């Protein structure tokens, strides 16, 4: 079994790794409703989503103002 990690390098908090669930994926943003919160004013409350599609992990921008690169 392979574990997929998302590494968050946050300037306000120490860096941390988050497990990306094999089934549900996760959302990232600065708001309380995001699965992973990051204290960065450049992020939207719900900035992007990581989701599995077959065997690929896909990133989808959730309409953020600054975009996702």
PDB file of N, CA and C in Angstrom:
ATOM      1  N   UNK A   1       0.842  -1.179   0.000  1.00  0.00           N
ATOM      2  CA  UNK A   1       0.000   0.000   0.000  1.00  0.00           C
ATOM      3  C   UNK A   1       0.884   1.238   0.000  1.00  0.00           C
ATOM      4  N   UNK A   2       0.585   2.185  -0.876  1.00  0.00           N
ATOM      5  CA  UNK A   2       1.339   3.421  -0.983  1.00  0.00           C
ATOM      6  C   UNK A   2       0.605   4.530  -0.244  1.00  0.00           C
ATOM      7  N   UNK A   3       1.346   5.331   0.500  1.00  0.00           N
ATOM      8  CA  UNK A   3       0.765   6.490   1.176  1.00  0.00           C
ATOM      9  C   UNK A   3       1.196   7.741   0.435  1.00  0.00           C
ATOM     10  N   UNK A   4       0.242   8.596   0.099  1.00  0.00           N
ATOM     11  CA  UNK A   4       0.538   9.845  -0.579  1.00  0.00           C
ATOM     12  C   UNK A   4       0.461  10.977   0.432  1.00  0.00           C
ATOM     13  N   UNK A   5       1.515  11.796   0.454  1.00  0.00           N
ATOM     14  CA  UNK A   5       1.585  12.914   1.394  1.00  0.00           C
ATOM     15  C   UNK A   5       1.603  14.235   0.646  1.00  0.00           C
ATOM     16  N   UNK A   6       0.943  15.223   1.215  1.00  0.00           N
ATOM     17  CA  UNK A   6       1.008  16.604   0.747  1.00  0.00           C
ATOM     18  C   UNK A   6       1.863  17.343   1.760  1.00  0.00           C
ATOM     19  N   UNK A   7       2.967  17.947   1.319  1.00  0.00           N
ATOM     20  CA  UNK A   7       3.841  18.689   2.210  1.00  0.00           C
ATOM     21  C   UNK A   7       3.434  20.156   2.193  1.00  0.00           C
ATOM     22  N   UNK A   8       3.073  20.694   3.357  1.00  0.00           N
ATOM     23  CA  UNK A   8       2.664  22.089   3.506  1.00  0.00           C
ATOM     24  C   UNK A   8       3.846  22.852   4.092  1.00  0.00           C
ATOM     25  N   UNK A   9       4.361  23.811   3.351  1.00  0.00           N
ATOM     26  CA  UNK A   9       5.453  24.668   3.832  1.00  0.00           C
ATOM     27  C   UNK A   9       4.848  26.029   4.137  1.00  0.00           C
ATOM     28  N   UNK A  10       4.487  26.246   5.379  1.00  0.00           N
ATOM     29  CA  UNK A  10       3.762  27.430   5.823  1.00  0.00           C
ATOM     30  C   UNK A  10       4.721  28.351   6.564  1.00  0.00           C
ATOM     31  N   UNK A  11       4.699  29.647   6.258  1.00  0.00           N
ATOM     32  CA  UNK A  11       5.609  30.585   6.921  1.00  0.00           C
ATOM     33  C   UNK A  11       5.171  30.901   8.340  1.00  0.00           C
ATOM     34  N   UNK A  12       3.876  30.776   8.641  1.00  0.00           N
ATOM     35  CA  UNK A  12       3.361  31.086   9.971  1.00  0.00           C
ATOM     36  C   UNK A  12       3.487  29.914  10.942  1.00  0.00           C
ATOM     37  N   UNK A  13       3.434  28.713  10.413  1.00  0.00           N
ATOM     38  CA  UNK A  13       3.471  27.494  11.226  1.00  0.00           C
ATOM     39  C   UNK A  13       4.573  26.615  10.640  1.00  0.00           C
ATOM     40  N   UNK A  14       5.130  25.757  11.443  1.00  0.00           N
ATOM     41  CA  UNK A  14       6.173  24.873  10.895  1.00  0.00           C
ATOM     42  C   UNK A  14       5.603  23.991   9.782  1.00  0.00           C
ATOM     43  N   UNK A  15       6.473  23.524   8.923  1.00  0.00           N
ATOM     44  CA  UNK A  15       6.054  22.653   7.821  1.00  0.00           C
ATOM     45  C   UNK A  15       5.445  21.377   8.378  1.00  0.00           C
ATOM     46  N   UNK A  16       4.514  20.815   7.606  1.00  0.00           N
ATOM     47  CA  UNK A  16       3.859  19.586   8.043  1.00  0.00           C
ATOM     48  C   UNK A  16       3.451  18.767   6.825  1.00  0.00           C
ATOM     49  N   UNK A  17       3.275  17.487   7.048  1.00  0.00           N
ATOM     50  CA  UNK A  17       2.835  16.576   5.989  1.00  0.00           C
ATOM     51  C   UNK A  17       1.427  16.105   6.316  1.00  0.00           C
ATOM     52  N   UNK A  18       0.592  16.023   5.278  1.00  0.00           N
ATOM     53  CA  UNK A  18      -0.796  15.596   5.425  1.00  0.00           C
ATOM     54  C   UNK A  18      -1.017  14.408   4.492  1.00  0.00           C
ATOM     55  N   UNK A  19      -1.630  13.356   5.005  1.00  0.00           N
ATOM     56  CA  UNK A  19      -1.939  12.179   4.191  1.00  0.00           C
ATOM     57  C   UNK A  19      -3.130  12.494   3.296  1.00  0.00           C
ATOM     58  N   UNK A  20      -2.988  12.196   2.005  1.00  0.00           N
ATOM     59  CA  UNK A  20      -4.089  12.339   1.056  1.00  0.00           C
ATOM     60  C   UNK A  20      -4.797  10.994   0.989  1.00  0.00           C
ATOM     61  N   UNK A  21      -6.024  10.949   1.489  1.00  0.00           N
ATOM     62  CA  UNK A  21      -6.801   9.716   1.561  1.00  0.00           C
ATOM     63  C   UNK A  21      -6.987   9.116   0.168  1.00  0.00           C
ATOM     64  N   UNK A  22      -6.893   7.794   0.092  1.00  0.00           N
ATOM     65  CA  UNK A  22      -7.033   7.099  -1.192  1.00  0.00           C
ATOM     66  C   UNK A  22      -8.425   7.216  -1.795  1.00  0.00           C
ATOM     67  N   UNK A  23      -9.432   7.524  -0.999  1.00  0.00           N
ATOM     68  CA  UNK A  23     -10.803   7.557  -1.498  1.00  0.00           C
ATOM     69  C   UNK A  23     -11.325   8.978  -1.717  1.00  0.00           C
ATOM     70  N   UNK A  24     -11.187   9.827  -0.713  1.00  0.00           N
ATOM     71  CA  UNK A  24     -11.906  11.097  -0.758  1.00  0.00           C
ATOM     72  C   UNK A  24     -11.082  12.300  -1.186  1.00  0.00           C
ATOM     73  N   UNK A  25      -9.758  12.254  -1.103  1.00  0.00           N
ATOM     74  CA  UNK A  25      -8.972  13.434  -1.407  1.00  0.00           C
ATOM     75  C   UNK A  25      -9.143  14.475  -0.315  1.00  0.00           C
ATOM     76  N   UNK A  26      -8.857  15.759  -0.651  1.00  0.00           N
ATOM     77  CA  UNK A  26      -9.006  16.809   0.346  1.00  0.00           C
ATOM     78  C   UNK A  26      -9.038  18.184  -0.296  1.00  0.00           C
ATOM     79  N   UNK A  27      -9.486  19.178   0.486  1.00  0.00           N
ATOM     80  CA  UNK A  27      -9.469  20.571   0.043  1.00  0.00           C
ATOM     81  C   UNK A  27      -8.456  21.336   0.881  1.00  0.00           C
ATOM     82  N   UNK A  28      -7.854  22.352   0.260  1.00  0.00           N
ATOM     83  CA  UNK A  28      -6.847  23.178   0.921  1.00  0.00           C
ATOM     84  C   UNK A  28      -7.243  24.637   0.770  1.00  0.00           C
ATOM     85  N   UNK A  29      -7.120  25.397   1.845  1.00  0.00           N
ATOM     86  CA  UNK A  29      -7.413  26.826   1.824  1.00  0.00           C
ATOM     87  C   UNK A  29      -7.176  27.428   3.190  1.00  0.00           C
ATOM     88  N   UNK A  30      -7.494  28.721   3.337  1.00  0.00           N
ATOM     89  CA  UNK A  30      -7.280  29.369   4.636  1.00  0.00           C
ATOM     90  C   UNK A  30      -8.533  29.379   5.501  1.00  0.00           C
ATOM     91  N   UNK A  31      -9.661  28.911   4.985  1.00  0.00           N
ATOM     92  CA  UNK A  31     -10.915  28.925   5.730  1.00  0.00           C
ATOM     93  C   UNK A  31     -11.101  27.706   6.622  1.00  0.00           C
ATOM     94  N   UNK A  32     -11.991  27.850   7.579  1.00  0.00           N
ATOM     95  CA  UNK A  32     -12.273  26.771   8.535  1.00  0.00           C
ATOM     96  C   UNK A  32     -12.880  25.528   7.890  1.00  0.00           C
ATOM     97  N   UNK A  33     -13.524  25.656   6.737  1.00  0.00           N
ATOM     98  CA  UNK A  33     -14.188  24.517   6.103  1.00  0.00           C
ATOM     99  C   UNK A  33     -13.253  23.703   5.216  1.00  0.00           C
ATOM    100  N   UNK A  34     -12.032  24.183   5.003  1.00  0.00           N
ATOM    101  CA  UNK A  34     -11.058  23.409   4.225  1.00  0.00           C
ATOM    102  C   UNK A  34     -10.566  22.237   5.071  1.00  0.00           C
ATOM    103  N   UNK A  35     -10.285  21.120   4.417  1.00  0.00           N
ATOM    104  CA  UNK A  35      -9.738  19.966   5.135  1.00  0.00           C
ATOM    105  C   UNK A  35      -8.365  20.285   5.713  1.00  0.00           C
ATOM    106  N   UNK A  36      -7.573  21.045   4.949  1.00  0.00           N
ATOM    107  CA  UNK A  36      -6.244  21.476   5.385  1.00  0.00           C
ATOM    108  C   UNK A  36      -6.219  22.999   5.343  1.00  0.00           C
ATOM    109  N   UNK A  37      -6.003  23.624   6.478  1.00  0.00           N
ATOM    110  CA  UNK A  37      -5.958  25.089   6.519  1.00  0.00           C
ATOM    111  C   UNK A  37      -4.513  25.569   6.513  1.00  0.00           C
ATOM    112  N   UNK A  38      -4.288  26.636   5.738  1.00  0.00           N
ATOM    113  CA  UNK A  38      -2.966  27.250   5.622  1.00  0.00           C
ATOM    114  C   UNK A  38      -3.151  28.744   5.843  1.00  0.00           C
ATOM    115  N   UNK A  39      -2.411  29.292   6.788  1.00  0.00           N
ATOM    116  CA  UNK A  39      -2.519  30.713   7.134  1.00  0.00           C
ATOM    117  C   UNK A  39      -1.719  31.550   6.138  1.00  0.00           C
ATOM    118  N   UNK A  40      -2.285  31.741   4.957  1.00  0.00           N
ATOM    119  CA  UNK A  40      -1.627  32.524   3.907  1.00  0.00           C
ATOM    120  C   UNK A  40      -2.677  33.428   3.275  1.00  0.00           C
ATOM    121  N   UNK A  41      -2.502  34.759   3.349  1.00  0.00           N
ATOM    122  CA  UNK A  41      -3.502  35.667   2.780  1.00  0.00           C
ATOM    123  C   UNK A  41      -3.635  35.551   1.259  1.00  0.00           C
ATOM    124  N   UNK A  42      -2.681  34.909   0.595  1.00  0.00           N
ATOM    125  CA  UNK A  42      -2.765  34.711  -0.846  1.00  0.00           C
ATOM    126  C   UNK A  42      -3.664  33.552  -1.246  1.00  0.00           C
ATOM    127  N   UNK A  43      -4.112  32.762  -0.259  1.00  0.00           N
ATOM    128  CA  UNK A  43      -5.010  31.638  -0.532  1.00  0.00           C
ATOM    129  C   UNK A  43      -6.451  32.044  -0.302  1.00  0.00           C
ATOM    130  N   UNK A  44      -7.346  31.465  -1.079  1.00  0.00           N
ATOM    131  CA  UNK A  44      -8.776  31.629  -0.852  1.00  0.00           C
ATOM    132  C   UNK A  44      -9.202  30.729   0.298  1.00  0.00           C
ATOM    133  N   UNK A  45     -10.418  30.949   0.810  1.00  0.00           N
ATOM    134  CA  UNK A  45     -10.916  30.093   1.896  1.00  0.00           C
ATOM    135  C   UNK A  45     -10.975  28.632   1.462  1.00  0.00           C
ATOM    136  N   UNK A  46     -11.404  28.381   0.237  1.00  0.00           N
ATOM    137  CA  UNK A  46     -11.379  27.040  -0.375  1.00  0.00           C
ATOM    138  C   UNK A  46     -10.572  27.220  -1.661  1.00  0.00           C
ATOM    139  N   UNK A  47      -9.271  26.988  -1.624  1.00  0.00           N
ATOM    140  CA  UNK A  47      -8.397  27.338  -2.738  1.00  0.00           C
ATOM    141  C   UNK A  47      -8.312  26.248  -3.814  1.00  0.00           C
ATOM    142  N   UNK A  48      -7.984  25.023  -3.397  1.00  0.00           N
ATOM    143  CA  UNK A  48      -7.915  23.935  -4.373  1.00  0.00           C
ATOM    144  C   UNK A  48      -8.291  22.611  -3.726  1.00  0.00           C
ATOM    145  N   UNK A  49      -8.543  21.642  -4.604  1.00  0.00           N
ATOM    146  CA  UNK A  49      -8.919  20.300  -4.173  1.00  0.00           C
ATOM    147  C   UNK A  49      -7.944  19.303  -4.787  1.00  0.00           C
ATOM    148  N   UNK A  50      -7.546  18.331  -4.012  1.00  0.00           N
ATOM    149  CA  UNK A  50      -6.796  17.188  -4.521  1.00  0.00           C
ATOM    150  C   UNK A  50      -7.735  15.993  -4.493  1.00  0.00           C
ATOM    151  N   UNK A  51      -7.887  15.347  -5.631  1.00  0.00           N
ATOM    152  CA  UNK A  51      -8.807  14.211  -5.705  1.00  0.00           C
ATOM    153  C   UNK A  51      -8.220  13.136  -6.608  1.00  0.00           C
ATOM    154  N   UNK A  52      -8.528  11.894  -6.272  1.00  0.00           N
ATOM    155  CA  UNK A  52      -8.072  10.762  -7.060  1.00  0.00           C
ATOM    156  C   UNK A  52      -9.012  10.530  -8.231  1.00  0.00           C
ATOM    157  N   UNK A  53      -8.428  10.298  -9.395  1.00  0.00           N
ATOM    158  CA  UNK A  53      -9.169   9.909 -10.596  1.00  0.00           C
ATOM    159  C   UNK A  53      -8.431   8.697 -11.146  1.00  0.00           C
ATOM    160  N   UNK A  54      -9.021   7.524 -10.946  1.00  0.00           N
ATOM    161  CA  UNK A  54      -8.332   6.247 -11.232  1.00  0.00           C
ATOM    162  C   UNK A  54      -7.076   6.206 -10.366  1.00  0.00           C
ATOM    163  N   UNK A  55      -5.912   6.098 -10.984  1.00  0.00           N
ATOM    164  CA  UNK A  55      -4.660   6.035 -10.225  1.00  0.00           C
ATOM    165  C   UNK A  55      -3.901   7.354 -10.222  1.00  0.00           C
ATOM    166  N   UNK A  56      -4.536   8.448 -10.634  1.00  0.00           N
ATOM    167  CA  UNK A  56      -3.878   9.747 -10.702  1.00  0.00           C
ATOM    168  C   UNK A  56      -4.446  10.689  -9.647  1.00  0.00           C
ATOM    169  N   UNK A  57      -3.563  11.440  -9.027  1.00  0.00           N
ATOM    170  CA  UNK A  57      -3.988  12.482  -8.106  1.00  0.00           C
ATOM    171  C   UNK A  57      -4.090  13.773  -8.899  1.00  0.00           C
ATOM    172  N   UNK A  58      -5.270  14.377  -8.899  1.00  0.00           N
ATOM    173  CA  UNK A  58      -5.502  15.589  -9.693  1.00  0.00           C
ATOM    174  C   UNK A  58      -5.765  16.785  -8.794  1.00  0.00           C
ATOM    175  N   UNK A  59      -5.223  17.922  -9.194  1.00  0.00           N
ATOM    176  CA  UNK A  59      -5.431  19.179  -8.494  1.00  0.00           C
ATOM    177  C   UNK A  59      -6.446  20.002  -9.278  1.00  0.00           C
ATOM    178  N   UNK A  60      -7.471  20.512  -8.595  1.00  0.00           N
ATOM    179  CA  UNK A  60      -8.490  21.340  -9.252  1.00  0.00           C
ATOM    180  C   UNK A  60      -8.636  22.643  -8.467  1.00  0.00           C
ATOM    181  N   UNK A  61      -8.442  23.758  -9.159  1.00  0.00           N
ATOM    182  CA  UNK A  61      -8.633  25.068  -8.564  1.00  0.00           C
ATOM    183  C   UNK A  61     -10.124  25.250  -8.277  1.00  0.00           C
ATOM    184  N   UNK A  62     -10.457  25.764  -7.127  1.00  0.00           N
ATOM    185  CA  UNK A  62     -11.864  25.921  -6.726  1.00  0.00           C
ATOM    186  C   UNK A  62     -12.350  27.359  -6.919  1.00  0.00           C
ATOM    187  N   UNK A  63     -11.880  28.013  -7.991  1.00  0.00           N
ATOM    188  CA  UNK A  63     -12.312  29.371  -8.287  1.00  0.00           C
ATOM    189  C   UNK A  63     -11.572  30.418  -7.487  1.00  0.00           C
ATOM    190  N   UNK A  64     -10.335  30.105  -7.089  1.00  0.00           N
ATOM    191  CA  UNK A  64      -9.557  31.045  -6.288  1.00  0.00           C
ATOM    192  C   UNK A  64      -9.237  32.306  -7.076  1.00  0.00           C
ATOM    193  N   UNK A  65      -9.127  33.415  -6.381  1.00  0.00           N
ATOM    194  CA  UNK A  65      -8.847  34.705  -7.017  1.00  0.00           C
ATOM    195  C   UNK A  65      -7.437  34.737  -7.611  1.00  0.00           C
ATOM    196  N   UNK A  66      -6.468  34.190  -6.903  1.00  0.00           N
ATOM    197  CA  UNK A  66      -5.068  34.238  -7.343  1.00  0.00           C
ATOM    198  C   UNK A  66      -4.658  33.056  -8.209  1.00  0.00           C
ATOM    199  N   UNK A  67      -5.516  32.082  -8.383  1.00  0.00           N
ATOM    200  CA  UNK A  67      -5.202  30.929  -9.207  1.00  0.00           C
ATOM    201  C   UNK A  67      -4.329  29.921  -8.492  1.00  0.00           C
ATOM    202  N   UNK A  68      -4.068  28.816  -9.186  1.00  0.00           N
ATOM    203  CA  UNK A  68      -3.252  27.732  -8.660  1.00  0.00           C
ATOM    204  C   UNK A  68      -2.207  27.375  -9.699  1.00  0.00           C
ATOM    205  N   UNK A  69      -0.950  27.296  -9.267  1.00  0.00           N
ATOM    206  CA  UNK A  69       0.136  26.949 -10.204  1.00  0.00           C
ATOM    207  C   UNK A  69       0.787  25.663  -9.762  1.00  0.00           C
TER     208      UNK A  69
END
